Amino acid sequence: MAKVGISDVAARAGVSEATVSRVINRRGVVATATRRQVEEAIRELGYERGGQSQLIVVLTPGLAQPFFGQLCELIESALASQGFRAIVGSTTVGGLQEIDFISSTMDLGIAGAVFASASNTLIDADPTVYQLLTERKIPFVLVNGAIAGHPAPSCSTNDAVAAELAVEHLWGLGHREIGLIAGPAGNRPSERRLAGFVRSMTARGVADPQRLVARQVYSVEGGMSAAGELLGQGVTGIVAASDYMALGAIRAARRRGMSIPEDLSVVGYDDSLVMDFVDPPLTTVRQPVERIAQSVSTAMVHLVNRKLVPSGELLFDPELIVRASTAPPRTPSVDG
């Protein structure tokens, strides 16, 4: 197959070769509409711009939590090994919005986008940004939340299994009053963990597991607030939707004069880098972040190179990491 050249791009876009050259080298003035025509022709023909790295936008809800920082770093590293450069955008509440970030980087000639647990985790997310990318024929990959009706590939942790692993662990230690600190309603990973928790507790004969669920935002403070609700119901074990929420639960328990794990066992989620060094070291469910990052990067590179990538969602099983924040309750249950 003959290599695609500037003349081919010019013919496809209906412009001169000089205009294509200006777009590729980012020199001179080119009308926005014309630039878009040329960029679209470049993508359609698979033209390789010699000497330039392809740009991939990676959007995340924030880098303050270690898990998201690690995920973005691994994706960035995997993309770099394939000759791509990643631009990481943190789209926190009240800050830069996804649509603004995507719009402002399109003129840089971005080759694709990764939504790393960003708006794609919301069930009622505004579809505008995905529609814009689709219209411009810019491929994107999703992490921890597929979009219903869209063929974009998605890589997610099996959150339902994560909750089931945590319940199984606490139940095996003798806990029967087990509470769940869940994330906000409408968050896909949160809803999946809730479903896994309810299913696991119901299978063990617990009536109305929903009474043992407290929702809050993903933060230490959110964990403290939710734990207060659950401790008031006499739970002896807590499954938290994030490591930070788990730390909040531990703080809430200690302010009540309780000891961890003697009076309360706590299981986190993520296995953030420092959880082995908190007091006590946190039992948690580890997301397979390395495998997810590698799969996301591979899918992104294939899409940019116009190779076939299976649509739909890949689910990656998590792993329970047992440390010192869980133990049998002071008065073990005598039932099975």
Protein backbone atom coordinates (compact mmCIF):
# COMPACT_ATOMS: atom_id res chain seq x y z
CA MET A 1 0.00 0.00 0.00
CA ALA A 2 1.41 3.39 -1.02
CA LYS A 3 2.31 5.79 1.74
CA VAL A 4 -0.11 8.68 2.16
CA GLY A 5 1.46 12.04 1.32
CA ILE A 6 0.62 15.72 1.66
CA SER A 7 -0.84 15.73 -1.86
CA ASP A 8 -3.33 13.03 -0.85
CA VAL A 9 -4.38 15.01 2.22
CA ALA A 10 -4.75 18.17 0.12
CA ALA A 11 -6.92 16.38 -2.44
CA ARG A 12 -9.13 14.88 0.25
CA ALA A 13 -9.53 18.22 2.07
CA GLY A 14 -9.97 20.21 -1.14
CA VAL A 15 -7.16 22.65 -0.31
CA SER A 16 -3.66 23.38 -1.55
CA GLU A 17 -0.59 21.47 -0.42
CA ALA A 18 0.72 24.72 1.05
CA THR A 19 -2.33 24.93 3.31
CA VAL A 20 -1.82 21.35 4.47
CA SER A 21 1.81 22.15 5.23
CA ARG A 22 0.81 25.18 7.31
CA VAL A 23 -1.60 23.05 9.33
CA ILE A 24 0.94 20.28 9.89
CA ASN A 25 3.75 22.66 10.89
CA ARG A 26 1.45 25.03 12.81
CA ARG A 27 2.72 28.02 10.89
CA GLY A 28 0.88 30.87 9.25
CA VAL A 29 -2.80 31.71 9.45
CA VAL A 30 -5.35 29.07 8.51
CA ALA A 31 -9.10 29.56 8.92
CA THR A 32 -10.58 27.36 11.65
CA ALA A 33 -12.97 25.62 9.27
CA THR A 34 -10.15 24.90 6.82
CA ARG A 35 -7.89 23.60 9.58
CA ARG A 36 -10.66 21.23 10.65
CA GLN A 37 -11.02 19.96 7.06
CA VAL A 38 -7.32 19.24 6.87
CA GLU A 39 -7.17 17.57 10.32
CA GLU A 40 -10.14 15.40 9.37
CA ALA A 41 -8.46 14.40 6.09
CA ILE A 42 -5.26 13.55 8.00
CA ARG A 43 -7.18 11.27 10.34
CA GLU A 44 -9.24 9.66 7.58
CA LEU A 45 -6.20 8.86 5.45
CA GLY A 46 -3.97 7.87 8.36
CA TYR A 47 -1.32 10.37 7.32
CA GLU A 48 1.75 10.19 9.56
CA ARG A 49 3.23 13.56 10.42
CA GLY A 50 6.95 12.95 10.45
CA GLY A 51 8.87 14.09 13.49
CA GLN A 52 5.79 14.97 15.52
CA SER A 53 4.38 13.05 18.44
CA GLN A 54 0.64 12.44 18.45
CA LEU A 55 -1.20 14.12 21.29
CA ILE A 56 -3.67 12.24 23.50
CA VAL A 57 -5.83 14.07 26.03
CA VAL A 58 -6.30 12.23 29.33
CA LEU A 59 -9.15 13.60 31.45
CA THR A 60 -9.47 12.77 35.15
CA PRO A 61 -11.67 14.10 37.97
CA GLY A 62 -8.63 15.14 39.98
CA LEU A 63 -5.06 14.26 40.81
CA ALA A 64 -5.26 14.80 44.59
CA GLN A 65 -6.18 11.15 45.18
CA PRO A 66 -3.19 8.86 44.56
CA PHE A 67 -5.19 6.36 42.51
CA PHE A 68 -5.99 8.86 39.76
CA GLY A 69 -2.45 10.17 39.71
CA GLN A 70 -1.08 6.64 39.36
CA LEU A 71 -3.60 5.76 36.63
CA CYS A 72 -2.73 8.84 34.56
CA GLU A 73 1.00 8.29 35.02
CA LEU A 74 0.75 4.68 33.83
CA ILE A 75 -1.37 5.65 30.81
CA GLU A 76 1.05 8.45 29.96
CA SER A 77 4.03 6.07 30.20
CA ALA A 78 2.37 3.39 28.06
CA LEU A 79 1.43 5.94 25.40
CA ALA A 80 4.95 7.40 25.39
CA SER A 81 6.38 3.97 24.62
CA GLN A 82 4.29 4.04 21.42
CA GLY A 83 5.42 7.54 20.41
CA PHE A 84 2.46 9.48 21.79
CA ARG A 85 2.38 12.38 24.21
CA ALA A 86 -0.33 12.69 26.85
CA ILE A 87 -1.88 15.96 28.00
CA VAL A 88 -3.49 15.36 31.41
CA GLY A 89 -6.46 17.54 32.27
CA SER A 90 -7.90 17.63 35.79
CA THR A 91 -11.57 18.54 35.55
CA THR A 92 -12.57 19.14 39.17
CA VAL A 93 -15.96 20.45 40.24
CA GLY A 94 -16.04 24.21 39.80
CA GLY A 95 -12.86 24.15 37.71
CA LEU A 96 -12.08 23.51 34.07
CA GLN A 97 -14.85 21.56 32.35
CA GLU A 98 -14.25 18.65 29.99
CA ILE A 99 -15.88 20.32 27.01
CA ASP A 100 -13.70 23.41 27.50
CA PHE A 101 -10.52 21.36 27.76
CA ILE A 102 -11.34 19.25 24.70
CA SER A 103 -12.34 22.30 22.65
CA SER A 104 -9.17 24.19 23.54
CA THR A 105 -6.89 21.27 22.62
CA MET A 106 -8.55 20.31 19.35
CA ASP A 107 -6.63 22.97 17.44
CA LEU A 108 -3.43 21.26 18.61
CA GLY A 109 -4.41 18.33 16.43
CA ILE A 110 -5.16 15.85 19.23
CA ALA A 111 -5.35 12.27 18.01
CA GLY A 112 -7.59 10.90 20.74
CA ALA A 113 -8.92 11.23 24.28
CA VAL A 114 -9.07 9.05 27.38
CA PHE A 115 -11.77 9.63 29.98
CA ALA A 116 -10.12 8.25 33.11
CA SER A 117 -13.01 7.91 35.56
CA ALA A 118 -14.26 11.32 34.42
CA SER A 119 -17.80 12.30 33.38
CA ASN A 120 -18.26 8.85 31.83
CA THR A 121 -18.81 7.51 35.36
CA LEU A 122 -22.01 9.57 35.68
CA ILE A 123 -25.22 7.95 34.51
CA ASP A 124 -26.73 11.32 33.53
CA ALA A 125 -23.54 12.82 32.05
CA ASP A 126 -23.88 15.58 29.47
CA PRO A 127 -23.18 13.85 26.12
CA THR A 128 -21.98 17.04 24.39
CA VAL A 129 -18.26 16.32 24.70
CA TYR A 130 -18.67 12.79 23.30
CA GLN A 131 -20.80 14.08 20.44
CA LEU A 132 -18.15 16.69 19.62
CA LEU A 133 -15.39 14.09 19.49
CA THR A 134 -17.53 11.77 17.38
CA GLU A 135 -18.38 14.56 14.92
CA ARG A 136 -14.67 15.39 14.56
CA LYS A 137 -13.84 11.69 14.16
CA ILE A 138 -11.51 11.78 17.16
CA PRO A 139 -11.53 8.38 18.91
CA PHE A 140 -11.79 8.03 22.67
CA VAL A 141 -11.47 5.32 25.32
CA LEU A 142 -13.29 5.16 28.66
CA VAL A 143 -12.18 4.03 32.12
CA ASN A 144 -14.66 2.84 34.77
CA GLY A 145 -17.83 3.70 32.91
CA ALA A 146 -19.10 2.78 29.46
CA ILE A 147 -21.54 5.06 27.63
CA ALA A 148 -24.82 3.36 26.79
CA GLY A 149 -25.34 3.08 23.06
CA HIS A 150 -21.81 4.20 22.12
CA PRO A 151 -19.25 1.76 20.70
CA ALA A 152 -16.25 3.40 22.40
CA PRO A 153 -14.13 0.75 24.16
CA SER A 154 -14.18 0.84 27.94
CA CYS A 155 -11.97 -0.72 30.62
CA SER A 156 -13.40 -0.99 34.13
CA THR A 157 -12.75 -2.62 37.45
CA ASN A 158 -15.48 -5.14 38.30
CA ASP A 159 -16.89 -3.06 41.15
CA ALA A 160 -19.62 -5.55 42.03
CA VAL A 161 -16.96 -8.23 42.62
CA ALA A 162 -14.98 -5.73 44.72
CA ALA A 163 -17.89 -5.32 47.13
CA GLU A 164 -18.47 -9.06 47.22
CA LEU A 165 -14.80 -9.70 48.12
CA ALA A 166 -14.99 -7.22 51.00
CA VAL A 167 -18.24 -8.68 52.38
CA GLU A 168 -16.91 -12.23 52.05
CA HIS A 169 -13.79 -11.26 54.01
CA LEU A 170 -15.66 -9.56 56.85
CA TRP A 171 -18.30 -12.28 57.01
CA GLY A 172 -15.60 -14.91 57.23
CA LEU A 173 -14.14 -13.10 60.25
CA GLY A 174 -17.50 -13.34 62.02
CA HIS A 175 -19.07 -9.95 61.27
CA ARG A 176 -22.79 -9.90 60.57
CA GLU A 177 -23.67 -6.20 60.88
CA ILE A 178 -21.66 -4.95 57.90
CA GLY A 179 -22.24 -1.47 56.52
CA LEU A 180 -21.39 0.04 53.13
CA ILE A 181 -20.13 3.57 52.63
CA ALA A 182 -21.19 4.19 49.03
CA GLY A 183 -20.43 7.06 46.68
CA PRO A 184 -23.02 9.51 45.36
CA ALA A 185 -26.14 8.26 43.56
CA GLY A 186 -25.85 8.21 39.79
CA ASN A 187 -22.18 7.24 39.82
CA ARG A 188 -21.70 4.03 37.81
CA PRO A 189 -18.92 2.46 39.94
CA SER A 190 -20.85 3.36 43.09
CA GLU A 191 -24.05 1.78 41.82
CA ARG A 192 -22.18 -1.38 40.84
CA ARG A 193 -20.54 -1.68 44.26
CA LEU A 194 -23.94 -1.19 45.88
CA ALA A 195 -25.45 -3.94 43.74
CA GLY A 196 -22.59 -6.29 44.66
CA PHE A 197 -22.96 -5.47 48.36
CA VAL A 198 -26.72 -6.01 48.39
CA ARG A 199 -26.41 -9.25 46.42
CA SER A 200 -23.69 -10.60 48.71
CA MET A 201 -25.51 -9.71 51.94
CA THR A 202 -28.84 -11.03 50.64
CA ALA A 203 -27.21 -14.33 49.69
CA ARG A 204 -26.10 -14.66 53.30
CA GLY A 205 -29.62 -14.18 54.65
CA VAL A 206 -29.40 -10.51 55.69
CA ALA A 207 -32.79 -8.84 55.50
CA ASP A 208 -32.95 -5.42 53.81
CA PRO A 209 -29.22 -4.74 53.29
CA GLN A 210 -30.12 -1.24 52.02
CA ARG A 211 -30.60 -0.16 55.65
CA LEU A 212 -26.86 -0.67 56.09
CA VAL A 213 -25.89 1.70 53.26
CA ALA A 214 -24.81 5.34 53.70
CA ARG A 215 -23.98 7.50 50.67
CA GLN A 216 -21.46 10.32 50.67
CA VAL A 217 -18.91 12.14 48.54
CA TYR A 218 -15.52 10.52 47.87
CA SER A 219 -13.40 12.14 50.60
CA VAL A 220 -12.16 11.66 54.16
CA GLU A 221 -14.91 13.97 55.38
CA GLY A 222 -17.50 12.01 53.42
CA GLY A 223 -16.27 8.81 55.01
CA MET A 224 -16.52 10.34 58.48
CA SER A 225 -20.09 11.48 57.92
CA ALA A 226 -21.28 8.17 56.47
CA ALA A 227 -19.50 6.16 59.17
CA GLY A 228 -21.33 8.19 61.81
CA GLU A 229 -24.63 7.02 60.35
CA LEU A 230 -23.56 3.38 60.22
CA LEU A 231 -21.96 3.31 63.68
CA GLY A 232 -25.25 4.55 65.06
CA GLN A 233 -26.79 1.32 63.76
CA GLY A 234 -24.22 -0.81 65.54
CA VAL A 235 -22.19 -2.09 62.61
CA THR A 236 -18.97 -3.92 63.44
CA GLY A 237 -17.57 -3.88 59.91
CA ILE A 238 -17.52 -1.24 57.18
CA VAL A 239 -16.87 -1.55 53.45
CA ALA A 240 -15.81 1.84 52.06
CA ALA A 241 -16.00 2.99 48.42
CA SER A 242 -12.48 4.45 48.54
CA ASP A 243 -9.39 4.33 50.72
CA TYR A 244 -9.90 7.95 51.69
CA MET A 245 -13.46 7.22 52.81
CA ALA A 246 -12.09 4.30 54.82
CA LEU A 247 -9.65 6.63 56.57
CA GLY A 248 -12.59 8.90 57.37
CA ALA A 249 -14.46 5.95 58.86
CA ILE A 250 -11.47 5.10 61.05
CA ARG A 251 -11.28 8.71 62.24
CA ALA A 252 -14.99 8.76 63.07
CA ALA A 253 -14.69 5.53 65.05
CA ARG A 254 -11.68 6.75 67.02
CA ARG A 255 -13.50 9.97 67.95
CA ARG A 256 -16.10 7.72 69.55
CA GLY A 257 -13.39 6.02 71.57
CA MET A 258 -13.36 2.90 69.43
CA SER A 259 -10.28 0.89 68.49
CA ILE A 260 -9.43 -0.39 65.01
CA PRO A 261 -9.78 -3.31 64.37
CA GLU A 262 -10.87 -4.46 67.84
CA ASP A 263 -14.17 -2.52 67.84
CA LEU A 264 -14.56 -1.89 64.11
CA SER A 265 -13.12 -3.53 61.02
CA VAL A 266 -12.72 -1.35 57.91
CA VAL A 267 -12.08 -2.31 54.29
CA GLY A 268 -11.07 0.35 51.76
CA TYR A 269 -11.01 0.42 47.98
CA ASP A 270 -8.24 1.29 45.46
CA ASP A 271 -5.12 0.25 47.41
CA SER A 272 -3.58 3.70 47.13
CA LEU A 273 0.20 3.80 47.47
CA VAL A 274 0.31 4.91 51.12
CA MET A 275 -2.29 2.50 52.57
CA ASP A 276 0.40 0.11 53.75
CA PHE A 277 1.77 2.87 56.00
CA VAL A 278 -1.33 4.25 57.74
CA ASP A 279 -2.22 3.19 61.29
CA PRO A 280 -3.32 0.47 61.18
CA PRO A 281 -2.30 -0.59 57.64
CA LEU A 282 -5.53 -0.69 55.66
CA THR A 283 -7.18 -3.83 54.37
CA THR A 284 -8.43 -2.82 50.94
CA VAL A 285 -9.56 -4.01 47.53
CA ARG A 286 -6.91 -3.29 44.92
CA GLN A 287 -7.95 -2.06 41.49
CA PRO A 288 -5.78 -3.64 38.75
CA VAL A 289 -4.57 -0.22 37.68
CA GLU A 290 -1.54 -1.47 35.72
CA ARG A 291 -3.59 -3.83 33.55
CA ILE A 292 -6.31 -1.24 33.00
CA ALA A 293 -3.78 1.43 31.99
CA GLN A 294 -2.07 -0.94 29.54
CA SER A 295 -5.37 -2.02 27.96
CA VAL A 296 -6.57 1.57 27.65
CA SER A 297 -3.32 2.66 26.02
CA THR A 298 -3.30 -0.26 23.59
CA ALA A 299 -6.90 0.44 22.55
CA MET A 300 -6.15 4.14 22.11
CA VAL A 301 -3.11 3.53 19.90
CA HIS A 302 -5.04 1.02 17.77
CA LEU A 303 -7.94 3.42 17.30
CA VAL A 304 -5.62 6.26 16.25
CA ASN A 305 -3.93 3.94 13.78
CA ARG A 306 -7.36 2.95 12.46
CA LYS A 307 -7.05 -0.65 13.58
CA LEU A 308 -10.07 -2.65 14.67
CA VAL A 309 -10.77 -2.51 18.42
CA PRO A 310 -13.61 -4.53 19.99
CA SER A 311 -16.37 -2.26 21.28
CA GLY A 312 -18.02 -2.73 24.66
CA GLU A 313 -16.66 -2.94 28.18
CA LEU A 314 -13.83 -5.07 29.53
CA LEU A 315 -14.18 -5.88 33.24
CA PHE A 316 -11.02 -6.49 35.30
CA ASP A 317 -11.30 -8.42 38.55
CA PRO A 318 -9.91 -6.68 41.65
CA GLU A 319 -7.89 -8.28 44.45
CA LEU A 320 -8.42 -8.25 48.22
CA ILE A 321 -5.33 -7.07 50.12
CA VAL A 322 -5.58 -8.09 53.78
CA ARG A 323 -3.71 -5.93 56.28
CA ALA A 324 -4.34 -4.92 59.89
CA SER A 325 -7.59 -2.90 59.80
CA THR A 326 -9.80 -6.00 59.92
CA ALA A 327 -10.19 -8.69 62.61
CA PRO A 328 -12.90 -10.84 64.18
CA PRO A 329 -15.48 -8.84 66.19
CA ARG A 330 -15.20 -8.80 69.99
CA THR A 331 -18.32 -10.96 70.24
CA PRO A 332 -18.34 -13.26 67.22
CA SER A 333 -21.65 -14.34 65.72
CA VAL A 334 -22.58 -17.98 66.36
CA ASP A 335 -24.57 -18.36 63.12
CA GLY A 336 -23.10 -19.52 59.84
